[in-house]
Amino acid sequence: MLIVIAKEPLPGRVKTRLTPPYAPHEAARFAAAALADTLAAVATASRTLGVRPLVVLDGHPGPWLPREFAVRAQADGPLDARLAAALDAVRGQPALLVGMDTPQITPAGLVRAAARLRRDTDAAFGRAQDGGWWALGLGAADGDLVRGVPTSRPDTGVRQHARLRDAGLRVVDLPVLRDVDTAADIAPVAILAPHSRFAAVAADLRSRSRNPAGARETT
């Protein structure tokens, strides 16, 4: 099972750390693009693996959600509790959970991670450059493995990795990725995924900032 934990991309509710310099509706465009790229990669990987993907959603589905996804509402509470509930929804099954902040993920990378779970490890863990994590795969999903681990901290990834090892799991490390939290993350991530929706939004907003509406064209 491939799981995406996501938030409906509404202005003022997503990517708030991008404002400023971006306006809330612009931050929401980045969020919507990153989510669409993520869902597309997960959908393609799921078809290869022969499983139905799941999105665990804070908000309501929109036209950005591919039809093959099952949808489950996020639980209430802090992030660790919501992550735990997402895993408990498929408790005991193999599961690979990702967020919506790494639009550079690829179907091939997800398939490789899932294959490791099926073949030779108990857990697959992808750290993020900011100290968090972007992916957690478990051979047998169990919310207790994330419940209570502090989130949104520079040591979140270290603490989560230790939780897995302390539970006696064999852990394979996935590539470290940069997730999109602040404006400084946008250009590096767009470069890694130049043909993505996310990169297209970055290019469009960069162009608009250089030639704002109403500016006089010169020749």
N, C-alpha and C. Protein backbone atom coordinates (compact mmCIF):
# COMPACT_ATOMS: atom_id res chain seq x y z
N MET A 1 0.85 -1.19 0.00
CA MET A 1 0.00 0.00 0.00
C MET A 1 0.89 1.25 0.00
N LEU A 2 0.61 2.14 -0.92
CA LEU A 2 1.27 3.44 -0.94
C LEU A 2 0.29 4.48 -0.41
N ILE A 3 0.77 5.27 0.55
CA ILE A 3 -0.08 6.24 1.25
C ILE A 3 0.51 7.63 1.11
N VAL A 4 -0.33 8.60 0.78
CA VAL A 4 0.07 10.01 0.78
C VAL A 4 -0.71 10.71 1.87
N ILE A 5 -0.01 11.36 2.78
CA ILE A 5 -0.70 12.17 3.78
C ILE A 5 -0.66 13.61 3.28
N ALA A 6 -1.83 14.23 3.16
CA ALA A 6 -1.91 15.48 2.41
C ALA A 6 -2.94 16.42 3.03
N LYS A 7 -2.83 17.67 2.61
CA LYS A 7 -3.78 18.70 3.02
C LYS A 7 -4.35 19.35 1.76
N GLU A 8 -5.66 19.59 1.77
CA GLU A 8 -6.29 20.27 0.64
C GLU A 8 -5.58 21.61 0.41
N PRO A 9 -5.17 21.90 -0.84
CA PRO A 9 -4.35 23.10 -1.09
C PRO A 9 -5.17 24.38 -1.16
N LEU A 10 -5.58 24.87 0.00
CA LEU A 10 -6.38 26.09 0.08
C LEU A 10 -5.52 27.26 0.57
N PRO A 11 -5.67 28.43 -0.03
CA PRO A 11 -4.91 29.60 0.42
C PRO A 11 -5.09 29.86 1.91
N GLY A 12 -3.99 30.13 2.58
CA GLY A 12 -4.03 30.40 4.01
C GLY A 12 -3.94 29.18 4.89
N ARG A 13 -4.06 27.97 4.28
CA ARG A 13 -4.01 26.73 5.07
C ARG A 13 -2.81 25.87 4.72
N VAL A 14 -2.16 26.17 3.61
CA VAL A 14 -1.02 25.36 3.18
C VAL A 14 0.19 26.26 2.89
N LYS A 15 1.35 25.70 3.10
CA LYS A 15 2.61 26.39 2.78
C LYS A 15 2.66 27.80 3.35
N THR A 16 2.23 27.95 4.59
CA THR A 16 2.18 29.28 5.20
C THR A 16 3.58 29.85 5.43
N ARG A 17 4.60 29.00 5.45
CA ARG A 17 5.97 29.50 5.62
C ARG A 17 6.52 30.12 4.34
N LEU A 18 5.76 30.04 3.25
CA LEU A 18 6.14 30.72 2.02
C LEU A 18 5.64 32.16 1.98
N THR A 19 4.82 32.53 2.98
CA THR A 19 4.26 33.88 2.99
C THR A 19 4.79 34.66 4.20
N PRO A 20 5.49 35.75 3.95
CA PRO A 20 6.06 36.18 2.67
C PRO A 20 7.26 35.31 2.28
N PRO A 21 7.75 35.47 1.05
CA PRO A 21 7.50 36.54 0.07
C PRO A 21 6.28 36.31 -0.80
N TYR A 22 5.73 35.09 -0.80
CA TYR A 22 4.59 34.81 -1.67
C TYR A 22 3.28 35.12 -0.97
N ALA A 23 2.29 35.50 -1.75
CA ALA A 23 0.94 35.70 -1.23
C ALA A 23 0.32 34.34 -0.94
N PRO A 24 -0.70 34.28 -0.08
CA PRO A 24 -1.32 32.99 0.24
C PRO A 24 -1.81 32.21 -0.97
N HIS A 25 -2.38 32.92 -1.98
CA HIS A 25 -2.87 32.18 -3.15
C HIS A 25 -1.71 31.63 -3.97
N GLU A 26 -0.56 32.30 -3.93
CA GLU A 26 0.61 31.78 -4.64
C GLU A 26 1.20 30.58 -3.90
N ALA A 27 1.25 30.66 -2.58
CA ALA A 27 1.70 29.52 -1.79
C ALA A 27 0.81 28.30 -2.03
N ALA A 28 -0.50 28.55 -2.17
CA ALA A 28 -1.43 27.45 -2.44
C ALA A 28 -1.18 26.85 -3.82
N ARG A 29 -0.76 27.67 -4.78
CA ARG A 29 -0.42 27.12 -6.10
C ARG A 29 0.77 26.17 -6.00
N PHE A 30 1.78 26.55 -5.23
CA PHE A 30 2.91 25.65 -5.02
C PHE A 30 2.46 24.35 -4.37
N ALA A 31 1.61 24.46 -3.35
CA ALA A 31 1.14 23.27 -2.66
C ALA A 31 0.34 22.37 -3.59
N ALA A 32 -0.53 22.96 -4.40
CA ALA A 32 -1.35 22.17 -5.31
C ALA A 32 -0.48 21.46 -6.34
N ALA A 33 0.54 22.16 -6.84
CA ALA A 33 1.43 21.55 -7.82
C ALA A 33 2.25 20.42 -7.21
N ALA A 34 2.80 20.65 -6.02
CA ALA A 34 3.57 19.61 -5.35
C ALA A 34 2.71 18.39 -5.06
N LEU A 35 1.48 18.63 -4.63
CA LEU A 35 0.57 17.53 -4.36
C LEU A 35 0.24 16.75 -5.62
N ALA A 36 -0.04 17.47 -6.71
CA ALA A 36 -0.37 16.79 -7.97
C ALA A 36 0.81 15.96 -8.47
N ASP A 37 2.03 16.50 -8.37
CA ASP A 37 3.21 15.74 -8.78
C ASP A 37 3.38 14.49 -7.93
N THR A 38 3.18 14.65 -6.64
CA THR A 38 3.32 13.51 -5.72
C THR A 38 2.29 12.44 -6.02
N LEU A 39 1.04 12.85 -6.19
CA LEU A 39 -0.02 11.89 -6.47
C LEU A 39 0.22 11.16 -7.79
N ALA A 40 0.71 11.89 -8.79
CA ALA A 40 0.98 11.26 -10.08
C ALA A 40 2.07 10.20 -9.95
N ALA A 41 3.13 10.50 -9.21
CA ALA A 41 4.21 9.52 -9.01
C ALA A 41 3.71 8.30 -8.25
N VAL A 42 2.92 8.55 -7.22
CA VAL A 42 2.40 7.44 -6.41
C VAL A 42 1.42 6.60 -7.23
N ALA A 43 0.58 7.24 -8.03
CA ALA A 43 -0.37 6.50 -8.87
C ALA A 43 0.36 5.58 -9.84
N THR A 44 1.40 6.10 -10.49
CA THR A 44 2.16 5.30 -11.45
C THR A 44 2.86 4.14 -10.75
N ALA A 45 3.48 4.41 -9.61
CA ALA A 45 4.14 3.35 -8.87
C ALA A 45 3.15 2.29 -8.40
N SER A 46 1.98 2.73 -7.99
CA SER A 46 0.97 1.78 -7.51
C SER A 46 0.50 0.85 -8.62
N ARG A 47 0.37 1.39 -9.83
CA ARG A 47 -0.01 0.53 -10.95
C ARG A 47 1.07 -0.52 -11.22
N THR A 48 2.32 -0.11 -11.11
CA THR A 48 3.41 -1.06 -11.30
C THR A 48 3.39 -2.15 -10.24
N LEU A 49 3.08 -1.76 -9.01
CA LEU A 49 3.09 -2.70 -7.89
C LEU A 49 1.79 -3.50 -7.78
N GLY A 50 0.76 -3.06 -8.49
CA GLY A 50 -0.52 -3.76 -8.44
C GLY A 50 -1.28 -3.53 -7.15
N VAL A 51 -1.17 -2.30 -6.59
CA VAL A 51 -1.89 -1.98 -5.36
C VAL A 51 -2.70 -0.72 -5.58
N ARG A 52 -3.72 -0.51 -4.75
CA ARG A 52 -4.50 0.73 -4.84
C ARG A 52 -3.94 1.74 -3.85
N PRO A 53 -3.58 2.94 -4.30
CA PRO A 53 -3.02 3.94 -3.40
C PRO A 53 -4.10 4.58 -2.53
N LEU A 54 -3.65 5.15 -1.42
CA LEU A 54 -4.53 5.79 -0.45
C LEU A 54 -4.02 7.19 -0.18
N VAL A 55 -4.92 8.18 -0.16
CA VAL A 55 -4.58 9.51 0.32
C VAL A 55 -5.31 9.73 1.63
N VAL A 56 -4.57 10.13 2.64
CA VAL A 56 -5.14 10.45 3.95
C VAL A 56 -5.17 11.97 4.01
N LEU A 57 -6.38 12.52 3.95
CA LEU A 57 -6.56 13.92 3.55
C LEU A 57 -7.16 14.77 4.66
N ASP A 58 -6.53 15.92 4.87
CA ASP A 58 -7.10 16.98 5.69
C ASP A 58 -7.81 17.94 4.73
N GLY A 59 -9.13 17.84 4.66
CA GLY A 59 -9.90 18.66 3.73
C GLY A 59 -10.75 17.80 2.84
N HIS A 60 -11.05 18.35 1.67
CA HIS A 60 -11.96 17.67 0.74
C HIS A 60 -11.25 17.37 -0.57
N PRO A 61 -11.57 16.23 -1.19
CA PRO A 61 -10.97 15.92 -2.49
C PRO A 61 -11.39 16.94 -3.54
N GLY A 62 -10.49 17.18 -4.49
CA GLY A 62 -10.77 18.08 -5.59
C GLY A 62 -10.40 17.45 -6.92
N PRO A 63 -10.47 18.19 -8.00
CA PRO A 63 -10.14 17.65 -9.31
C PRO A 63 -8.68 17.25 -9.45
N TRP A 64 -7.85 17.64 -8.50
CA TRP A 64 -6.43 17.27 -8.50
C TRP A 64 -6.21 15.82 -8.05
N LEU A 65 -7.22 15.15 -7.56
CA LEU A 65 -7.06 13.80 -7.02
C LEU A 65 -7.38 12.76 -8.09
N PRO A 66 -6.40 11.93 -8.49
CA PRO A 66 -6.67 10.87 -9.47
C PRO A 66 -7.73 9.89 -8.95
N ARG A 67 -8.53 9.36 -9.86
CA ARG A 67 -9.66 8.53 -9.48
C ARG A 67 -9.27 7.25 -8.77
N GLU A 68 -8.05 6.74 -9.05
CA GLU A 68 -7.71 5.44 -8.48
C GLU A 68 -7.40 5.48 -6.99
N PHE A 69 -7.29 6.68 -6.42
CA PHE A 69 -6.98 6.77 -5.00
C PHE A 69 -8.19 6.51 -4.13
N ALA A 70 -8.01 5.68 -3.12
CA ALA A 70 -8.96 5.64 -2.02
C ALA A 70 -8.69 6.85 -1.13
N VAL A 71 -9.71 7.34 -0.44
CA VAL A 71 -9.58 8.54 0.39
C VAL A 71 -10.01 8.22 1.81
N ARG A 72 -9.20 8.68 2.74
CA ARG A 72 -9.53 8.55 4.16
C ARG A 72 -9.25 9.89 4.83
N ALA A 73 -10.14 10.32 5.70
CA ALA A 73 -9.95 11.59 6.39
C ALA A 73 -8.83 11.46 7.42
N GLN A 74 -8.06 12.53 7.54
CA GLN A 74 -7.04 12.55 8.58
C GLN A 74 -7.67 12.58 9.95
N ALA A 75 -6.99 11.97 10.90
CA ALA A 75 -7.41 12.04 12.29
C ALA A 75 -7.13 13.44 12.85
N ASP A 76 -7.74 13.75 13.96
CA ASP A 76 -7.45 15.00 14.66
C ASP A 76 -6.17 14.84 15.47
N GLY A 77 -5.63 15.98 15.89
CA GLY A 77 -4.48 15.93 16.78
C GLY A 77 -3.20 16.37 16.13
N PRO A 78 -2.10 16.29 16.86
CA PRO A 78 -0.80 16.68 16.32
C PRO A 78 -0.35 15.75 15.21
N LEU A 79 0.71 16.16 14.51
CA LEU A 79 1.13 15.42 13.32
C LEU A 79 1.48 13.97 13.63
N ASP A 80 2.17 13.72 14.74
CA ASP A 80 2.53 12.33 15.03
C ASP A 80 1.29 11.45 15.19
N ALA A 81 0.22 12.00 15.77
CA ALA A 81 -1.01 11.24 15.93
C ALA A 81 -1.69 11.01 14.59
N ARG A 82 -1.61 11.98 13.69
CA ARG A 82 -2.23 11.82 12.38
C ARG A 82 -1.46 10.82 11.52
N LEU A 83 -0.14 10.84 11.63
CA LEU A 83 0.67 9.84 10.92
C LEU A 83 0.38 8.45 11.46
N ALA A 84 0.29 8.34 12.78
CA ALA A 84 0.01 7.04 13.40
C ALA A 84 -1.34 6.50 12.95
N ALA A 85 -2.34 7.37 12.90
CA ALA A 85 -3.67 6.93 12.48
C ALA A 85 -3.67 6.47 11.03
N ALA A 86 -2.88 7.16 10.18
CA ALA A 86 -2.79 6.74 8.77
C ALA A 86 -2.20 5.35 8.66
N LEU A 87 -1.17 5.05 9.44
CA LEU A 87 -0.58 3.72 9.41
C LEU A 87 -1.51 2.68 10.04
N ASP A 88 -2.20 3.06 11.10
CA ASP A 88 -3.12 2.11 11.73
C ASP A 88 -4.30 1.76 10.83
N ALA A 89 -4.59 2.63 9.86
CA ALA A 89 -5.68 2.33 8.91
C ALA A 89 -5.37 1.09 8.08
N VAL A 90 -4.08 0.78 7.94
CA VAL A 90 -3.67 -0.41 7.17
C VAL A 90 -2.77 -1.29 8.05
N ARG A 91 -3.04 -1.30 9.32
CA ARG A 91 -2.19 -1.97 10.31
C ARG A 91 -1.90 -3.42 9.90
N GLY A 92 -0.63 -3.77 9.99
CA GLY A 92 -0.21 -5.13 9.69
C GLY A 92 0.14 -5.37 8.24
N GLN A 93 -0.23 -4.43 7.36
CA GLN A 93 0.06 -4.57 5.93
C GLN A 93 1.35 -3.84 5.57
N PRO A 94 2.02 -4.25 4.51
CA PRO A 94 3.15 -3.46 4.02
C PRO A 94 2.66 -2.09 3.58
N ALA A 95 3.36 -1.03 3.96
CA ALA A 95 2.91 0.32 3.63
C ALA A 95 4.12 1.24 3.46
N LEU A 96 4.02 2.11 2.48
CA LEU A 96 5.02 3.16 2.26
C LEU A 96 4.28 4.49 2.29
N LEU A 97 4.60 5.32 3.28
CA LEU A 97 3.90 6.58 3.49
C LEU A 97 4.82 7.73 3.09
N VAL A 98 4.27 8.67 2.31
CA VAL A 98 5.02 9.87 1.91
C VAL A 98 4.14 11.09 2.14
N GLY A 99 4.79 12.25 2.23
CA GLY A 99 4.07 13.50 2.33
C GLY A 99 3.89 14.15 0.97
N MET A 100 3.52 15.44 0.98
CA MET A 100 3.24 16.16 -0.26
C MET A 100 4.26 17.27 -0.53
N ASP A 101 5.40 17.22 0.18
CA ASP A 101 6.36 18.30 0.10
C ASP A 101 7.59 17.98 -0.75
N THR A 102 7.59 16.83 -1.43
CA THR A 102 8.75 16.44 -2.24
C THR A 102 8.28 16.09 -3.65
N PRO A 103 7.97 17.11 -4.46
CA PRO A 103 7.46 16.84 -5.81
C PRO A 103 8.49 16.20 -6.73
N GLN A 104 9.73 16.10 -6.29
CA GLN A 104 10.77 15.48 -7.11
C GLN A 104 10.81 13.96 -6.99
N ILE A 105 9.96 13.36 -6.16
CA ILE A 105 9.95 11.90 -6.07
C ILE A 105 9.53 11.31 -7.42
N THR A 106 10.00 10.10 -7.68
CA THR A 106 9.71 9.44 -8.96
C THR A 106 9.04 8.10 -8.72
N PRO A 107 8.25 7.64 -9.69
CA PRO A 107 7.67 6.29 -9.57
C PRO A 107 8.73 5.22 -9.37
N ALA A 108 9.84 5.33 -10.11
CA ALA A 108 10.89 4.31 -9.99
C ALA A 108 11.47 4.26 -8.58
N GLY A 109 11.67 5.42 -7.97
CA GLY A 109 12.19 5.45 -6.61
C GLY A 109 11.23 4.84 -5.61
N LEU A 110 9.94 5.10 -5.80
CA LEU A 110 8.94 4.51 -4.91
C LEU A 110 8.86 3.01 -5.09
N VAL A 111 8.94 2.55 -6.31
CA VAL A 111 8.90 1.10 -6.57
C VAL A 111 10.11 0.42 -5.93
N ARG A 112 11.28 1.04 -6.05
CA ARG A 112 12.47 0.45 -5.43
C ARG A 112 12.32 0.36 -3.92
N ALA A 113 11.79 1.41 -3.31
CA ALA A 113 11.60 1.40 -1.86
C ALA A 113 10.61 0.30 -1.45
N ALA A 114 9.51 0.18 -2.18
CA ALA A 114 8.53 -0.86 -1.88
C ALA A 114 9.12 -2.25 -2.08
N ALA A 115 9.97 -2.40 -3.09
CA ALA A 115 10.59 -3.70 -3.34
C ALA A 115 11.50 -4.11 -2.19
N ARG A 116 12.21 -3.14 -1.60
CA ARG A 116 13.05 -3.46 -0.46
C ARG A 116 12.22 -3.98 0.70
N LEU A 117 11.06 -3.39 0.93
CA LEU A 117 10.19 -3.86 2.01
C LEU A 117 9.73 -5.29 1.75
N ARG A 118 9.43 -5.58 0.52
CA ARG A 118 8.94 -6.91 0.19
C ARG A 118 10.04 -7.97 0.27
N ARG A 119 11.29 -7.51 0.11
CA ARG A 119 12.35 -8.48 -0.09
C ARG A 119 13.23 -8.70 1.13
N ASP A 120 13.81 -7.61 1.69
CA ASP A 120 14.90 -7.86 2.63
C ASP A 120 15.02 -6.89 3.79
N THR A 121 13.96 -6.18 4.15
CA THR A 121 14.07 -5.30 5.30
C THR A 121 12.71 -5.13 5.96
N ASP A 122 12.73 -4.58 7.18
CA ASP A 122 11.49 -4.35 7.92
C ASP A 122 10.97 -2.93 7.74
N ALA A 123 11.89 -2.01 7.46
CA ALA A 123 11.51 -0.60 7.35
C ALA A 123 12.41 0.09 6.34
N ALA A 124 11.84 1.07 5.63
CA ALA A 124 12.60 1.93 4.71
C ALA A 124 12.35 3.36 5.14
N PHE A 125 13.42 4.12 5.29
CA PHE A 125 13.29 5.45 5.89
C PHE A 125 14.02 6.47 5.04
N GLY A 126 13.29 7.52 4.64
CA GLY A 126 13.87 8.59 3.84
C GLY A 126 13.96 9.87 4.64
N ARG A 127 15.15 10.29 4.98
CA ARG A 127 15.34 11.53 5.72
C ARG A 127 15.22 12.73 4.79
N ALA A 128 14.83 13.86 5.37
CA ALA A 128 14.81 15.13 4.65
C ALA A 128 16.00 15.97 5.09
N GLN A 129 16.44 16.87 4.23
CA GLN A 129 17.61 17.68 4.52
C GLN A 129 17.42 18.58 5.74
N ASP A 130 16.18 18.94 6.05
CA ASP A 130 15.95 19.84 7.18
C ASP A 130 15.92 19.12 8.52
N GLY A 131 16.18 17.81 8.50
CA GLY A 131 16.18 17.05 9.74
C GLY A 131 14.94 16.22 9.96
N GLY A 132 13.93 16.40 9.13
CA GLY A 132 12.72 15.58 9.23
C GLY A 132 12.83 14.34 8.36
N TRP A 133 11.69 13.90 7.85
CA TRP A 133 11.70 12.75 6.93
C TRP A 133 10.60 12.91 5.91
N TRP A 134 10.84 12.29 4.73
CA TRP A 134 9.87 12.41 3.64
C TRP A 134 9.17 11.09 3.33
N ALA A 135 9.71 9.97 3.80
CA ALA A 135 9.10 8.67 3.52
C ALA A 135 9.36 7.71 4.66
N LEU A 136 8.36 6.90 4.95
CA LEU A 136 8.49 5.83 5.93
C LEU A 136 7.79 4.60 5.39
N GLY A 137 8.55 3.55 5.17
CA GLY A 137 7.98 2.29 4.73
C GLY A 137 8.10 1.25 5.83
N LEU A 138 7.05 0.48 6.03
CA LEU A 138 7.04 -0.56 7.05
C LEU A 138 6.53 -1.86 6.45
N GLY A 139 7.22 -2.96 6.76
CA GLY A 139 6.75 -4.26 6.30
C GLY A 139 5.42 -4.64 6.91
N ALA A 140 5.18 -4.14 8.11
CA ALA A 140 3.89 -4.33 8.80
C ALA A 140 3.54 -3.00 9.45
N ALA A 141 2.59 -2.27 8.87
CA ALA A 141 2.25 -0.94 9.35
C ALA A 141 1.80 -0.97 10.81
N ASP A 142 2.29 -0.01 11.58
CA ASP A 142 1.99 0.04 13.01
C ASP A 142 2.16 1.48 13.46
N GLY A 143 1.05 2.13 13.81
CA GLY A 143 1.09 3.52 14.22
C GLY A 143 1.92 3.77 15.46
N ASP A 144 2.09 2.75 16.30
CA ASP A 144 2.88 2.94 17.51
C ASP A 144 4.34 3.25 17.21
N LEU A 145 4.78 2.95 15.99
CA LEU A 145 6.16 3.22 15.63
C LEU A 145 6.43 4.70 15.35
N VAL A 146 5.38 5.50 15.20
CA VAL A 146 5.56 6.95 15.01
C VAL A 146 4.88 7.77 16.10
N ARG A 147 3.93 7.18 16.77
CA ARG A 147 3.17 7.92 17.78
C ARG A 147 4.10 8.37 18.91
N GLY A 148 4.07 9.68 19.20
CA GLY A 148 4.89 10.22 20.27
C GLY A 148 6.25 10.72 19.85
N VAL A 149 6.65 10.49 18.59
CA VAL A 149 7.92 11.04 18.11
C VAL A 149 7.71 12.52 17.78
N PRO A 150 8.49 13.42 18.39
CA PRO A 150 8.29 14.86 18.12
C PRO A 150 8.50 15.17 16.64
N THR A 151 7.65 16.01 16.08
CA THR A 151 7.73 16.37 14.67
C THR A 151 8.12 17.83 14.49
N SER A 152 8.47 18.17 13.25
CA SER A 152 8.82 19.54 12.89
C SER A 152 9.97 20.08 13.72
N ARG A 153 10.95 19.21 13.96
CA ARG A 153 12.16 19.60 14.69
C ARG A 153 13.38 19.17 13.90
N PRO A 154 14.53 19.81 14.16
CA PRO A 154 15.74 19.42 13.43
C PRO A 154 16.18 17.99 13.70
N ASP A 155 15.73 17.41 14.82
CA ASP A 155 16.12 16.04 15.16
C ASP A 155 14.99 15.03 14.97
N THR A 156 13.93 15.43 14.26
CA THR A 156 12.81 14.51 14.07
C THR A 156 13.25 13.24 13.35
N GLY A 157 14.03 13.39 12.28
CA GLY A 157 14.48 12.22 11.53
C GLY A 157 15.34 11.30 12.36
N VAL A 158 16.24 11.87 13.14
CA VAL A 158 17.10 11.06 14.02
C VAL A 158 16.26 10.30 15.03
N ARG A 159 15.31 10.98 15.63
CA ARG A 159 14.47 10.34 16.64
C ARG A 159 13.59 9.24 16.03
N GLN A 160 13.05 9.51 14.82
CA GLN A 160 12.21 8.49 14.20
C GLN A 160 13.03 7.27 13.80
N HIS A 161 14.20 7.49 13.27
CA HIS A 161 15.08 6.38 12.91
C HIS A 161 15.42 5.55 14.15
N ALA A 162 15.72 6.23 15.25
CA ALA A 162 16.02 5.52 16.49
C ALA A 162 14.82 4.72 16.98
N ARG A 163 13.62 5.26 16.83
CA ARG A 163 12.42 4.53 17.25
C ARG A 163 12.30 3.22 16.48
N LEU A 164 12.56 3.27 15.19
CA LEU A 164 12.48 2.06 14.38
C LEU A 164 13.53 1.03 14.82
N ARG A 165 14.77 1.50 15.02
CA ARG A 165 15.83 0.59 15.42
C ARG A 165 15.58 0.03 16.81
N ASP A 166 15.08 0.87 17.72
CA ASP A 166 14.79 0.41 19.08
C ASP A 166 13.69 -0.64 19.11
N ALA A 167 12.82 -0.63 18.08
CA ALA A 167 11.77 -1.64 17.98
C ALA A 167 12.30 -2.95 17.40
N GLY A 168 13.59 -2.99 17.12
CA GLY A 168 14.19 -4.21 16.60
C GLY A 168 14.05 -4.40 15.10
N LEU A 169 13.69 -3.31 14.39
CA LEU A 169 13.48 -3.43 12.95
C LEU A 169 14.79 -3.25 12.19
N ARG A 170 14.93 -3.99 11.12
CA ARG A 170 16.00 -3.73 10.15
C ARG A 170 15.56 -2.55 9.30
N VAL A 171 16.41 -1.54 9.21
CA VAL A 171 16.04 -0.31 8.53
C VAL A 171 16.99 -0.05 7.37
N VAL A 172 16.45 0.16 6.19
CA VAL A 172 17.25 0.57 5.04
C VAL A 172 16.99 2.06 4.79
N ASP A 173 18.05 2.80 4.53
CA ASP A 173 17.93 4.24 4.31
C ASP A 173 17.66 4.54 2.84
N LEU A 174 16.64 5.35 2.59
CA LEU A 174 16.33 5.84 1.26
C LEU A 174 17.13 7.12 1.01
N PRO A 175 17.18 7.60 -0.23
CA PRO A 175 17.91 8.84 -0.49
C PRO A 175 17.38 10.01 0.34
N VAL A 176 18.29 10.88 0.77
CA VAL A 176 17.92 12.10 1.47
C VAL A 176 17.38 13.10 0.44
N LEU A 177 16.20 13.66 0.71
CA LEU A 177 15.59 14.61 -0.22
C LEU A 177 15.36 15.95 0.47
N ARG A 178 15.29 16.98 -0.34
CA ARG A 178 14.96 18.31 0.17
C ARG A 178 13.46 18.52 0.01
N ASP A 179 12.78 18.79 1.10
CA ASP A 179 11.36 19.09 0.97
C ASP A 179 11.15 20.60 0.91
N VAL A 180 9.96 20.99 0.48
CA VAL A 180 9.66 22.41 0.25
C VAL A 180 8.94 22.96 1.48
N ASP A 181 9.67 23.76 2.25
CA ASP A 181 9.08 24.41 3.42
C ASP A 181 9.13 25.93 3.29
N THR A 182 10.25 26.44 2.77
CA THR A 182 10.44 27.88 2.69
C THR A 182 10.75 28.28 1.25
N ALA A 183 10.77 29.58 1.00
CA ALA A 183 11.04 30.07 -0.35
C ALA A 183 12.41 29.63 -0.85
N ALA A 184 13.37 29.45 0.06
CA ALA A 184 14.71 29.04 -0.34
C ALA A 184 14.74 27.62 -0.91
N ASP A 185 13.72 26.84 -0.63
CA ASP A 185 13.67 25.45 -1.12
C ASP A 185 13.13 25.35 -2.54
N ILE A 186 12.46 26.37 -3.02
CA ILE A 186 11.71 26.26 -4.27
C ILE A 186 12.62 26.02 -5.47
N ALA A 187 13.60 26.89 -5.68
CA ALA A 187 14.45 26.76 -6.87
C ALA A 187 15.23 25.45 -6.89
N PRO A 188 15.88 25.03 -5.77
CA PRO A 188 16.61 23.76 -5.81
C PRO A 188 15.72 22.56 -6.12
N VAL A 189 14.51 22.53 -5.58
CA VAL A 189 13.62 21.41 -5.84
C VAL A 189 13.12 21.46 -7.29
N ALA A 190 12.80 22.64 -7.78
CA ALA A 190 12.35 22.77 -9.18
C ALA A 190 13.42 22.30 -10.15
N ILE A 191 14.68 22.56 -9.84
CA ILE A 191 15.78 22.10 -10.70
C ILE A 191 15.83 20.57 -10.74
N LEU A 192 15.54 19.93 -9.61
CA LEU A 192 15.57 18.47 -9.55
C LEU A 192 14.43 17.84 -10.34
N ALA A 193 13.35 18.58 -10.53
CA ALA A 193 12.18 18.06 -11.26
C ALA A 193 11.77 19.09 -12.32
N PRO A 194 12.58 19.28 -13.35
CA PRO A 194 12.36 20.40 -14.28
C PRO A 194 11.09 20.31 -15.09
N HIS A 195 10.53 19.12 -15.26
CA HIS A 195 9.32 18.95 -16.06
C HIS A 195 8.06 18.79 -15.20
N SER A 196 8.19 19.08 -13.93
CA SER A 196 7.08 18.89 -13.01
C SER A 196 6.12 20.07 -13.03
N ARG A 197 4.95 19.86 -12.49
CA ARG A 197 3.99 20.95 -12.30
C ARG A 197 4.57 21.99 -11.34
N PHE A 198 5.29 21.51 -10.33
CA PHE A 198 5.90 22.41 -9.36
C PHE A 198 6.88 23.35 -10.04
N ALA A 199 7.73 22.81 -10.90
CA ALA A 199 8.69 23.66 -11.61
C ALA A 199 7.98 24.66 -12.51
N ALA A 200 6.87 24.26 -13.11
CA ALA A 200 6.12 25.17 -13.97
C ALA A 200 5.55 26.34 -13.17
N VAL A 201 5.04 26.07 -11.97
CA VAL A 201 4.53 27.14 -11.13
C VAL A 201 5.67 28.07 -10.70
N ALA A 202 6.81 27.48 -10.34
CA ALA A 202 7.96 28.30 -9.94
C ALA A 202 8.38 29.23 -11.08
N ALA A 203 8.43 28.70 -12.30
CA ALA A 203 8.82 29.51 -13.45
C ALA A 203 7.80 30.60 -13.72
N ASP A 204 6.51 30.28 -13.61
CA ASP A 204 5.46 31.26 -13.88
C ASP A 204 5.51 32.40 -12.87
N LEU A 205 5.65 32.07 -11.59
CA LEU A 205 5.67 33.13 -10.58
C LEU A 205 6.96 33.93 -10.64
N ARG A 206 8.05 33.30 -11.03
CA ARG A 206 9.30 34.04 -11.22
C ARG A 206 9.16 35.03 -12.36
N SER A 207 8.51 34.58 -13.44
CA SER A 207 8.29 35.47 -14.58
C SER A 207 7.39 36.64 -14.21
N ARG A 208 6.35 36.38 -13.45
CA ARG A 208 5.43 37.44 -13.05
C ARG A 208 6.12 38.47 -12.15
N SER A 209 7.03 37.99 -11.30
CA SER A 209 7.71 38.92 -10.40
C SER A 209 8.66 39.83 -11.16
N ARG A 210 9.18 39.33 -12.29
CA ARG A 210 10.08 40.15 -13.09
C ARG A 210 9.32 41.12 -13.98
N ASN A 211 8.07 40.75 -14.30
CA ASN A 211 7.25 41.60 -15.18
C ASN A 211 5.86 41.72 -14.59
N PRO A 212 5.71 42.40 -13.45
CA PRO A 212 4.40 42.48 -12.77
C PRO A 212 3.36 43.12 -13.65
N ALA A 213 2.09 42.77 -13.40
CA ALA A 213 0.98 43.33 -14.17
C ALA A 213 1.01 44.85 -14.09
N GLY A 214 0.83 45.46 -15.23
CA GLY A 214 0.79 46.91 -15.25
C GLY A 214 2.12 47.57 -15.52
N ALA A 215 3.20 46.74 -15.50
CA ALA A 215 4.51 47.35 -15.78
C ALA A 215 4.58 47.72 -17.25
N ARG A 216 5.25 48.81 -17.58
CA ARG A 216 5.34 49.28 -18.97
C ARG A 216 6.41 48.50 -19.71
N GLU A 217 6.00 47.93 -20.83
CA GLU A 217 6.96 47.21 -21.67
C GLU A 217 7.81 48.22 -22.43
N THR A 218 9.09 47.92 -22.57
CA THR A 218 9.99 48.78 -23.36
C THR A 218 10.62 47.94 -24.45
N THR A 219 11.04 48.62 -25.51
CA THR A 219 11.70 47.93 -26.61
C THR A 219 13.04 48.57 -26.88
